């Protein structure tokens, strides 16, 4: 009955790293590899809000956000992607702020998306992010 059960792979690009396995890569590289799929989802959410809004200032911020999504998708390293993600987050924050008085549901959806981008930025820019 005894025996050792190994846990998953120790592939540097996918293993989370951290305190117990500092020699393995951090989550930044894995997040970079998963970024295209994540950005597709974010792009759809931004596009949906863009279509819904009649606030031209917020629409401008959302258009800027789309530019940052494209830029993040072209990044070659976690740190360069993090820079674009932070710019994306700021554009989303600006749109949410402009919609907070006139469209609370849209503002809340954008604030939630901004929180997601903040977490993604943290992973990509962390000390093990690349």
Protein backbone atom coordinates (compact mmCIF):
# COMPACT_ATOMS: atom_id res chain seq x y z
CA UNK A 1 0.00 0.00 0.00
CA UNK A 2 2.88 2.34 0.77
CA UNK A 3 4.51 4.36 -1.92
CA UNK A 4 5.15 7.86 -2.94
CA UNK A 5 2.69 9.76 -5.04
CA UNK A 6 4.28 12.52 -7.05
CA UNK A 7 2.43 15.73 -7.63
CA UNK A 8 2.11 16.97 -11.19
CA UNK A 9 4.91 18.36 -13.26
CA UNK A 10 7.83 20.44 -12.17
CA UNK A 11 7.99 22.26 -15.45
CA UNK A 12 9.52 25.65 -14.69
CA UNK A 13 7.05 27.47 -16.92
CA UNK A 14 3.95 26.13 -15.23
CA UNK A 15 4.96 25.37 -11.66
CA UNK A 16 3.97 28.11 -9.26
CA UNK A 17 7.31 28.42 -7.48
CA UNK A 18 7.15 30.28 -4.21
CA UNK A 19 8.68 29.54 -0.83
CA UNK A 20 8.68 25.77 -1.06
CA UNK A 21 10.22 25.57 -4.54
CA UNK A 22 12.06 28.86 -5.15
CA UNK A 23 14.21 27.23 -7.80
CA UNK A 24 11.17 26.80 -10.01
CA UNK A 25 9.84 29.64 -12.09
CA UNK A 26 7.20 31.89 -10.65
CA UNK A 27 3.69 32.43 -11.81
CA UNK A 28 4.70 35.27 -14.13
CA UNK A 29 5.80 33.06 -17.00
CA UNK A 30 2.72 30.87 -16.67
CA UNK A 31 0.53 33.99 -16.59
CA UNK A 32 2.26 35.28 -19.73
CA UNK A 33 1.58 32.00 -21.50
CA UNK A 34 -2.09 32.13 -20.47
CA UNK A 35 -2.37 35.83 -21.36
CA UNK A 36 -3.86 35.47 -24.87
CA UNK A 37 -6.87 33.56 -23.56
CA UNK A 38 -7.30 36.01 -20.67
CA UNK A 39 -7.00 38.99 -22.99
CA UNK A 40 -9.68 37.58 -25.29
CA UNK A 41 -12.08 37.51 -22.35
CA UNK A 42 -11.09 41.02 -21.23
CA UNK A 43 -11.43 42.32 -24.78
CA UNK A 44 -14.97 40.97 -25.03
CA UNK A 45 -15.92 42.62 -21.72
CA UNK A 46 -14.43 45.96 -22.75
CA UNK A 47 -16.12 45.75 -26.16
CA UNK A 48 -19.49 44.99 -24.52
CA UNK A 49 -19.20 48.06 -22.28
CA UNK A 50 -18.07 50.16 -25.25
CA UNK A 51 -21.21 49.16 -27.18
CA UNK A 52 -23.48 49.88 -24.20
CA UNK A 53 -22.23 53.32 -23.28
CA UNK A 54 -23.42 56.63 -24.64
CA UNK A 55 -20.82 58.49 -22.57
CA UNK A 56 -18.24 59.58 -25.13
CA UNK A 57 -15.51 60.23 -22.56
CA UNK A 58 -15.91 56.70 -21.15
CA UNK A 59 -16.03 55.30 -24.70
CA UNK A 60 -12.72 57.01 -25.40
CA UNK A 61 -11.17 55.38 -22.31
CA UNK A 62 -12.53 52.00 -23.37
CA UNK A 63 -11.05 52.46 -26.85
CA UNK A 64 -7.72 53.24 -25.19
CA UNK A 65 -8.13 50.09 -23.11
CA UNK A 66 -8.46 48.05 -26.31
CA UNK A 67 -5.11 49.47 -27.48
CA UNK A 68 -3.49 48.33 -24.24
CA UNK A 69 -5.03 44.87 -24.62
CA UNK A 70 -3.38 44.60 -28.04
CA UNK A 71 -0.07 45.83 -26.61
CA UNK A 72 -0.17 43.33 -23.73
CA UNK A 73 -0.79 40.54 -26.21
CA UNK A 74 2.42 41.43 -28.06
CA UNK A 75 4.60 41.40 -24.92
CA UNK A 76 7.52 38.98 -24.82
CA UNK A 77 8.20 39.01 -21.08
CA UNK A 78 6.03 39.07 -17.97
CA UNK A 79 7.42 42.49 -17.00
CA UNK A 80 6.60 44.07 -20.38
CA UNK A 81 3.12 42.56 -20.27
CA UNK A 82 2.69 43.93 -16.74
CA UNK A 83 3.34 47.45 -18.00
CA UNK A 84 0.59 47.15 -20.60
CA UNK A 85 -1.76 45.54 -18.08
CA UNK A 86 -1.28 48.48 -15.70
CA UNK A 87 -2.08 50.93 -18.53
CA UNK A 88 -5.14 48.81 -19.34
CA UNK A 89 -6.22 48.90 -15.69
CA UNK A 90 -5.88 52.68 -15.56
CA UNK A 91 -7.95 53.14 -18.73
CA UNK A 92 -10.66 50.89 -17.27
CA UNK A 93 -10.52 52.82 -13.98
CA UNK A 94 -11.00 56.10 -15.85
CA UNK A 95 -14.02 54.75 -17.74
CA UNK A 96 -15.54 53.36 -14.53
CA UNK A 97 -15.12 56.71 -12.80
CA UNK A 98 -16.82 58.53 -15.66
CA UNK A 99 -19.73 56.08 -15.62
CA UNK A 100 -20.18 56.03 -11.84
CA UNK A 101 -22.68 58.90 -11.86
CA UNK A 102 -24.77 57.81 -14.82
CA UNK A 103 -24.47 54.03 -15.05
CA UNK A 104 -23.79 52.30 -11.77
CA UNK A 105 -24.05 48.74 -13.18
CA UNK A 106 -21.51 49.50 -15.92
CA UNK A 107 -19.24 51.20 -13.42
CA UNK A 108 -19.38 48.16 -11.13
CA UNK A 109 -18.62 45.76 -13.99
CA UNK A 110 -15.63 47.87 -14.97
CA UNK A 111 -14.41 48.13 -11.38
CA UNK A 112 -14.54 44.33 -11.13
CA UNK A 113 -12.55 44.07 -14.36
CA UNK A 114 -10.05 46.58 -12.99
CA UNK A 115 -9.55 44.43 -9.88
CA UNK A 116 -8.88 41.43 -12.13
CA UNK A 117 -6.29 43.42 -14.06
CA UNK A 118 -4.68 44.55 -10.81
CA UNK A 119 -4.27 40.93 -9.73
CA UNK A 120 -2.87 39.98 -13.13
CA UNK A 121 -0.43 42.90 -12.95
CA UNK A 122 0.77 41.68 -9.54
CA UNK A 123 1.48 38.18 -10.88
CA UNK A 124 3.25 39.47 -13.98
CA UNK A 125 5.34 42.08 -12.21
CA UNK A 126 6.26 40.06 -9.12
CA UNK A 127 9.88 39.20 -8.33
CA UNK A 128 9.47 35.81 -9.99
CA UNK A 129 7.58 37.29 -12.91
CA UNK A 130 10.51 37.21 -15.25
